[in-house]
Protein backbone atom coordinates (compact mmCIF):
# COMPACT_ATOMS: atom_id res chain seq x y z
CA MET A 1 -12.56 -36.24 -114.60
CA ILE A 2 -8.70 -36.75 -115.85
CA ILE A 3 -7.83 -40.39 -114.23
CA ARG A 4 -5.42 -40.63 -112.45
CA ALA A 5 -3.53 -43.38 -110.63
CA ALA A 6 -5.85 -44.77 -108.00
CA GLU A 7 -4.70 -43.87 -104.09
CA GLN A 8 -3.12 -46.74 -102.07
CA ARG A 9 -5.29 -49.91 -101.82
CA PRO A 10 -6.75 -50.75 -98.64
CA ALA A 11 -5.08 -53.46 -97.31
CA SER A 12 -6.47 -54.36 -94.06
CA LEU A 13 -9.71 -53.94 -91.87
CA ASP A 14 -8.31 -50.84 -89.66
CA ALA A 15 -7.62 -48.75 -92.67
CA LEU A 16 -11.05 -49.79 -94.01
CA LEU A 17 -12.51 -49.20 -91.13
CA PRO A 18 -10.66 -47.31 -87.97
CA PRO A 19 -10.89 -48.66 -84.54
CA THR A 20 -11.37 -44.97 -83.54
CA LEU A 21 -14.26 -44.99 -86.26
CA ALA A 22 -14.86 -47.91 -84.90
CA ALA A 23 -16.08 -48.17 -81.49
CA LYS A 24 -18.01 -44.59 -81.70
CA LEU A 25 -20.30 -46.57 -84.67
CA ASP A 26 -20.90 -49.06 -82.13
CA ARG A 27 -23.60 -46.48 -80.30
CA LEU A 28 -25.70 -46.40 -84.20
CA ASP A 29 -27.85 -48.96 -86.03
CA ILE A 30 -29.51 -49.04 -89.27
CA LEU A 31 -33.03 -46.94 -89.35
CA SER A 32 -35.92 -47.69 -91.33
CA ARG A 33 -39.25 -45.52 -92.47
CA LYS A 34 -41.15 -48.79 -92.44
CA ILE A 35 -40.69 -51.71 -89.34
CA PHE A 36 -39.90 -54.63 -90.99
CA ALA A 37 -40.85 -58.44 -89.05
CA GLY A 38 -37.31 -60.76 -89.78
CA LYS A 39 -36.92 -64.52 -89.42
CA LEU A 40 -34.16 -64.38 -86.54
CA PRO A 41 -34.43 -62.38 -83.06
CA GLY A 42 -32.70 -59.31 -83.23
CA GLU A 43 -32.48 -56.15 -81.87
CA ARG A 44 -34.98 -53.83 -83.26
CA ARG A 45 -38.95 -53.75 -81.60
CA SER A 46 -41.65 -55.35 -84.18
CA LYS A 47 -45.43 -54.05 -84.37
CA ARG A 48 -46.10 -58.00 -83.15
CA ARG A 49 -46.28 -58.83 -80.31
CA GLY A 50 -44.45 -61.72 -79.14
CA ARG A 51 -43.39 -63.89 -76.13
CA SER A 52 -39.70 -62.08 -75.30
CA VAL A 53 -38.94 -61.68 -71.60
CA GLU A 54 -39.98 -58.01 -72.00
CA PHE A 55 -43.42 -57.20 -70.90
CA ASP A 56 -45.95 -55.07 -72.98
CA ASP A 57 -49.33 -55.45 -72.72
CA PHE A 58 -52.32 -57.12 -71.48
CA ARG A 59 -55.69 -58.17 -73.59
CA ASN A 60 -59.16 -59.72 -72.67
CA TYR A 61 -58.99 -63.73 -73.08
CA THR A 62 -60.78 -64.87 -75.82
CA ALA A 63 -61.37 -68.96 -76.75
CA GLY A 64 -58.86 -70.63 -77.86
CA ASP A 65 -55.60 -68.62 -76.19
CA ASP A 66 -53.09 -70.80 -74.74
CA LEU A 67 -53.73 -71.13 -71.43
CA ARG A 68 -49.77 -70.47 -69.88
CA HIS A 69 -50.05 -67.31 -71.07
CA ILE A 70 -54.08 -66.00 -68.64
CA ASP A 71 -52.34 -63.57 -65.95
CA TRP A 72 -53.64 -66.11 -63.07
CA ASN A 73 -52.55 -63.27 -60.15
CA VAL A 74 -54.71 -60.80 -62.44
CA TYR A 75 -57.37 -63.35 -62.25
CA ALA A 76 -57.84 -63.53 -58.42
CA ARG A 77 -57.80 -59.83 -57.83
CA LEU A 78 -60.54 -59.43 -60.64
CA ASP A 79 -62.25 -62.42 -61.07
CA ARG A 80 -61.21 -61.72 -65.21
CA LEU A 81 -59.07 -63.45 -67.18
CA PHE A 82 -56.52 -61.56 -69.00
CA ILE A 83 -53.46 -62.50 -71.24
CA LYS A 84 -49.71 -61.17 -70.56
CA LEU A 85 -48.61 -59.53 -73.72
CA PHE A 86 -44.84 -59.78 -74.49
CA ARG A 87 -42.28 -57.72 -76.98
CA GLU A 88 -40.60 -59.23 -79.79
CA GLU A 89 -37.27 -58.03 -81.49
CA GLU A 90 -36.61 -59.23 -84.12
CA ASP A 91 -33.89 -58.62 -87.22
CA LEU A 92 -33.26 -56.34 -89.52
CA ASN A 93 -31.42 -57.59 -93.07
CA LEU A 94 -29.39 -54.62 -94.42
CA SER A 95 -28.29 -54.78 -98.07
CA ILE A 96 -25.29 -52.44 -98.96
CA ALA A 97 -24.47 -52.38 -103.13
CA VAL A 98 -21.43 -50.80 -103.83
CA ASP A 99 -21.18 -49.54 -107.53
CA ALA A 100 -17.15 -50.67 -108.49
CA SER A 101 -17.99 -49.48 -112.41
CA ALA A 102 -14.92 -47.91 -114.27
CA SER A 103 -16.70 -44.75 -113.80
CA MET A 104 -16.14 -44.72 -109.52
CA GLU A 105 -11.95 -45.31 -110.64
CA SER A 106 -11.05 -41.06 -110.52
CA GLY A 107 -10.98 -38.32 -108.46
CA SER A 108 -9.13 -37.41 -105.63
CA PRO A 109 -10.99 -39.08 -102.50
CA ASN A 110 -10.52 -41.89 -105.28
CA LYS A 111 -14.12 -42.71 -104.90
CA LEU A 112 -14.62 -46.62 -105.02
CA MET A 113 -11.92 -46.80 -102.18
CA PHE A 114 -14.54 -44.03 -100.32
CA ALA A 115 -17.58 -45.79 -101.04
CA HIS A 116 -15.80 -49.08 -100.03
CA GLN A 117 -14.60 -47.40 -96.91
CA VAL A 118 -18.46 -46.70 -96.41
CA ALA A 119 -19.73 -50.06 -97.18
CA MET A 120 -17.40 -51.16 -94.44
CA ALA A 121 -19.07 -48.63 -91.44
CA LEU A 122 -22.32 -49.71 -92.71
CA ALA A 123 -21.85 -53.26 -92.51
CA TYR A 124 -20.63 -53.02 -89.28
CA ILE A 125 -23.26 -51.15 -88.18
CA GLY A 126 -25.49 -53.68 -89.04
CA LEU A 127 -23.69 -56.94 -88.32
CA VAL A 128 -23.40 -54.99 -84.43
CA LYS A 129 -26.75 -54.41 -84.35
CA GLN A 130 -27.49 -58.39 -85.00
CA ASN A 131 -28.68 -57.34 -88.12
CA ARG A 132 -28.62 -59.68 -91.14
CA VAL A 133 -25.87 -57.97 -93.94
CA GLN A 134 -25.22 -58.93 -97.57
CA VAL A 135 -22.64 -56.68 -99.65
CA ALA A 136 -22.42 -56.65 -102.80
CA THR A 137 -20.51 -55.58 -105.65
CA PHE A 138 -21.46 -54.50 -109.80
CA GLY A 139 -19.14 -53.29 -111.88
CA PRO A 140 -16.67 -54.99 -115.19
CA GLY A 141 -16.92 -57.87 -113.72
CA GLY A 142 -20.77 -58.62 -113.07
CA VAL A 143 -22.29 -58.81 -109.44
CA ARG A 144 -20.23 -60.52 -106.90
CA GLN A 145 -22.74 -60.95 -103.57
CA LEU A 146 -21.71 -61.81 -100.28
CA ALA A 147 -23.88 -65.17 -98.63
CA PRO A 148 -25.39 -62.83 -96.29
CA LEU A 149 -24.36 -62.79 -92.36
CA ARG A 150 -25.60 -62.20 -89.36
CA GLY A 151 -23.56 -61.15 -85.85
CA ARG A 152 -19.94 -59.80 -84.64
CA SER A 153 -17.82 -62.59 -86.36
CA GLY A 154 -19.52 -61.99 -90.09
CA ILE A 155 -16.80 -57.95 -89.35
CA ALA A 156 -14.12 -60.44 -90.71
CA ARG A 157 -16.08 -61.86 -93.47
CA VAL A 158 -17.30 -58.47 -95.10
CA SER A 159 -14.01 -56.90 -94.50
CA ALA A 160 -11.71 -59.59 -96.94
CA PHE A 161 -14.74 -59.86 -99.68
CA LEU A 162 -14.40 -55.39 -99.32
CA LEU A 163 -10.64 -55.75 -99.46
CA GLU A 164 -10.51 -58.93 -101.82
CA SER A 165 -13.07 -56.34 -104.55
CA ALA A 166 -10.80 -53.05 -103.83
CA LYS A 167 -7.50 -55.11 -104.90
CA VAL A 168 -9.38 -55.37 -108.71
CA SER A 169 -9.61 -52.06 -110.95
CA PRO A 170 -12.43 -51.30 -112.89
CA LEU A 171 -10.38 -50.04 -115.39
CA SER A 172 -7.97 -53.67 -115.66
CA GLU A 173 -11.05 -55.36 -115.68
CA GLN A 174 -12.49 -53.75 -118.63
CA ALA A 175 -8.91 -53.56 -120.32
CA THR A 176 -9.13 -57.54 -120.39
CA GLY A 177 -12.58 -57.54 -122.07
CA ALA A 178 -14.47 -58.66 -119.12
CA PRO A 179 -17.96 -59.09 -119.55
CA ALA A 180 -19.61 -55.31 -119.17
CA ASN A 181 -22.48 -55.54 -116.76
CA ASP A 182 -24.46 -51.83 -116.45
CA LEU A 183 -25.56 -50.12 -113.90
CA ASN A 184 -29.37 -51.03 -114.25
CA THR A 185 -28.79 -54.71 -115.43
CA GLY A 186 -26.19 -54.78 -111.77
CA LEU A 187 -28.95 -53.58 -109.91
CA ARG A 188 -31.80 -55.52 -111.02
CA GLN A 189 -30.39 -58.92 -110.64
CA ILE A 190 -29.25 -57.34 -106.57
CA ALA A 191 -32.67 -55.78 -106.49
CA MET A 192 -33.85 -59.83 -107.49
CA ASN A 193 -31.23 -61.59 -105.34
CA ARG A 194 -32.79 -59.75 -102.12
CA SER A 195 -34.33 -61.95 -99.33
CA GLY A 196 -36.13 -60.48 -96.29
CA ARG A 197 -36.67 -57.69 -95.83
CA GLY A 198 -35.30 -54.17 -94.90
CA VAL A 199 -32.95 -51.88 -96.32
CA MET A 200 -31.23 -50.76 -99.37
CA ILE A 201 -28.17 -48.61 -99.76
CA VAL A 202 -26.81 -48.33 -102.89
CA LEU A 203 -22.79 -46.63 -103.15
CA SER A 204 -22.88 -45.10 -106.31
CA ASP A 205 -22.06 -42.11 -108.82
CA PHE A 206 -25.13 -42.84 -110.43
CA LEU A 207 -23.69 -41.32 -113.96
CA VAL A 208 -24.71 -42.91 -116.93
CA PRO A 209 -24.81 -41.75 -121.06
CA GLY A 210 -28.81 -40.46 -121.23
CA GLY A 211 -29.86 -39.24 -117.66
CA PRO A 212 -31.57 -39.62 -114.91
CA ALA A 213 -34.23 -41.20 -117.09
CA ALA A 214 -31.39 -43.61 -118.76
CA LEU A 215 -31.13 -44.84 -114.77
CA GLN A 216 -34.74 -45.61 -114.75
CA PRO A 217 -35.38 -49.65 -115.07
CA ALA A 218 -32.86 -50.08 -112.22
CA ILE A 219 -34.91 -47.43 -110.16
CA ASN A 220 -37.95 -49.27 -110.85
CA ALA A 221 -36.11 -52.54 -110.01
CA LEU A 222 -35.70 -51.01 -106.44
CA ALA A 223 -39.10 -49.42 -106.02
CA ALA A 224 -40.54 -52.54 -107.16
CA ALA A 225 -38.50 -55.40 -104.93
CA GLY A 226 -38.85 -52.87 -102.29
CA SER A 227 -42.82 -51.52 -102.62
CA ALA A 228 -43.25 -53.90 -99.51
CA ALA A 229 -40.44 -55.12 -97.79
CA TYR A 230 -37.31 -53.22 -98.38
CA ASP A 231 -36.12 -49.51 -97.82
CA THR A 232 -34.12 -47.74 -100.03
CA ALA A 233 -32.15 -44.73 -100.34
CA LEU A 234 -29.05 -43.94 -102.76
CA LEU A 235 -25.63 -42.35 -102.14
CA GLN A 236 -24.82 -40.33 -105.09
CA ILE A 237 -20.84 -39.95 -104.31
CA LEU A 238 -18.81 -37.53 -106.46
CA ALA A 239 -15.68 -36.34 -106.03
CA PRO A 240 -14.65 -32.50 -105.77
CA SER A 241 -13.46 -31.75 -108.76
CA GLU A 242 -16.17 -32.98 -110.45
CA ILE A 243 -19.07 -31.13 -108.75
CA ASN A 244 -16.45 -27.91 -109.57
CA PRO A 245 -13.92 -28.91 -112.78
CA ALA A 246 -12.21 -25.49 -112.72
CA ILE A 247 -9.83 -27.50 -109.38
CA GLU A 248 -8.65 -29.58 -112.68
CA ALA A 249 -7.51 -26.80 -114.32
CA ASP A 250 -3.76 -27.40 -112.26
CA ALA A 251 -4.07 -31.39 -113.85
CA GLY A 252 -4.29 -30.13 -117.85
CA LEU A 253 -8.28 -29.65 -118.11
CA VAL A 254 -7.74 -26.34 -119.81
CA GLY A 255 -7.82 -25.66 -123.40
CA ASP A 256 -8.26 -27.70 -125.78
CA LEU A 257 -8.77 -30.66 -125.53
CA ARG A 258 -9.84 -34.24 -126.68
CA LEU A 259 -12.03 -35.76 -123.74
CA THR A 260 -12.02 -39.70 -123.94
CA ASP A 261 -15.10 -41.87 -122.03
CA VAL A 262 -13.76 -44.78 -119.87
CA GLU A 263 -16.70 -46.94 -120.27
CA SER A 264 -17.86 -46.39 -123.00
CA GLY A 265 -14.45 -45.09 -124.81
CA ARG A 266 -16.68 -42.33 -127.18
CA ALA A 267 -14.47 -39.13 -127.65
CA ALA A 268 -15.48 -35.39 -127.41
CA GLU A 269 -12.62 -32.53 -129.03
CA VAL A 270 -13.86 -29.73 -126.30
CA THR A 271 -12.64 -25.86 -125.45
CA VAL A 272 -12.55 -25.88 -121.75
CA SER A 273 -13.48 -21.88 -120.68
CA ALA A 274 -15.42 -20.38 -118.51
CA SER A 275 -18.41 -20.45 -120.10
CA LEU A 276 -18.14 -23.68 -120.55
CA LEU A 277 -17.67 -24.72 -116.71
CA ALA A 278 -20.55 -22.39 -116.12
CA ARG A 279 -22.50 -24.55 -118.66
CA TYR A 280 -21.41 -28.68 -117.43
CA ARG A 281 -22.70 -27.28 -113.81
CA ALA A 282 -25.60 -25.52 -114.78
CA ASN A 283 -26.02 -29.32 -116.64
CA LEU A 284 -24.38 -31.60 -113.34
CA ASP A 285 -27.46 -29.75 -110.66
CA ALA A 286 -30.49 -30.96 -112.85
CA TYR A 287 -28.26 -34.36 -113.48
CA THR A 288 -27.82 -35.05 -109.55
CA ALA A 289 -31.86 -33.19 -108.98
CA GLY A 290 -33.78 -35.70 -111.64
CA LEU A 291 -32.00 -38.95 -110.21
CA ARG A 292 -33.63 -37.06 -106.51
CA GLN A 293 -36.39 -36.68 -108.44
CA ALA A 294 -36.66 -40.18 -110.00
CA ALA A 295 -35.84 -41.78 -107.10
CA ALA A 296 -38.46 -39.72 -104.65
CA ALA A 297 -40.98 -40.28 -107.13
CA ARG A 298 -41.06 -44.04 -106.49
CA GLY A 299 -40.70 -43.32 -102.28
CA ILE A 300 -36.33 -43.64 -102.71
CA ALA A 301 -34.38 -41.00 -101.07
CA CYS A 302 -31.67 -39.89 -102.85
CA PHE A 303 -28.29 -37.68 -100.75
CA LEU A 304 -25.25 -36.15 -103.05
CA VAL A 305 -22.26 -36.89 -100.55
CA PRO A 306 -18.62 -35.35 -101.71
CA SER A 307 -15.93 -38.21 -101.55
CA ASP A 308 -14.31 -36.10 -99.47
CA VAL A 309 -15.94 -36.26 -97.06
CA PRO A 310 -14.07 -38.06 -93.63
CA VAL A 311 -16.51 -41.26 -93.37
CA GLU A 312 -16.65 -41.03 -89.51
CA THR A 313 -18.91 -37.43 -90.34
CA LEU A 314 -21.22 -38.90 -93.65
CA VAL A 315 -21.64 -41.66 -91.06
CA LEU A 316 -21.77 -39.62 -87.87
CA ASP A 317 -23.87 -36.97 -88.99
CA SER A 318 -25.08 -36.61 -92.69
CA LEU A 319 -26.71 -40.10 -92.18
CA ARG A 320 -27.84 -40.05 -88.79
CA ARG A 321 -29.81 -36.19 -89.64
CA GLY A 322 -30.88 -38.20 -93.19
CA GLY A 323 -32.71 -40.20 -91.39
CA ILE A 324 -30.40 -43.82 -92.18
CA LEU A 325 -28.73 -44.23 -89.70
CA ARG A 326 -30.01 -43.46 -85.66
C-alpha cells in the first residue's frame, strides 16, 4: 500500500452522514442474534413480560400476584382469576469501536474516513431507535471514548466526537511520539469498559504482524465480554488496492522497491512482479479467511468491507443481509 495524503477530512455532520442517507436510515434498527434486557424503556421487544401498555397474554393467578393485574371482567364471566401480562419493551446497548491506527490512514477511498462515516451511520440508527450508543476510537494516542448517549439529541455529540477524531492523522501522532496502543491493547480496554448488554461493532483493517493468530487476545477479550452480554461483529475494512495491489502500478508499485511498514518502521527490499502479486493475493485470502475462522470460533461475525463500497449500499444492503441491521 502506498501512503498518500489523506482525502479532505469531513468538517460537518452532513459530510459524515448526508441528509438523504439519514432519511433512509430512520426505518432501520440494530439487529442482535440475542435478545437482551436493557436498563431503560426503549423500542426493542424483550422476552420478559412487564407493565407496558401493550397487552400480551393471560396466565392463571397464583398466591402473591399483584391484585391490580387481575382481569376482573374475565373473572365475572368464568369465575376464575387470571393475571394480565404485557409486553415489555427495552433498549439495547450499541458499542462502536473505530481503529485509528496508522495502517488505516491509507487507501483510496481512505479507510479511516470511510470507517468514520460507517460509524456515524450506525450510531445514528442506534440513537433514533432510542438505544444507548457508545463510540470509541483506538490508535497511537490510546483509547478515546464517548460516554453513552441515548436519543436523537446525541447525534450532534457523536458527530462532534468523530469529526474531532478525524482531524488527527495517526501518522502525525506517531511522529510526535504519542504512546502506542496496538489493536489488541485497545480492544481489550474497550471490551472491559463495556456496560450493560447489547451489540458491539468493530471497524478496522485488522492488519497486524503475525496474522490472525496475533489478534487472538483481542478476539478472546471481545468474546469473553460478549459471551452472555454482547453480540459482536467485526467489519474488516480494506482498500481496493490492498485487495488487488496491481491497481497501484500507475502509482509506482512496480519493479524494485523498498517498502516500509508505517506502524513498525521495518523495511523490506522487494521486486514487484506478477508472481509476487499472485502470492500476495493468496496470502491475503488466507489472512482474511483465518480472521473469519478465528472470530467464528468464538461466536463473532466477521465481514470483509472494501472502502470503495458506498456507505449507503453497505448499510442498506450488505449489513442487512449480514444480519447486523434490520
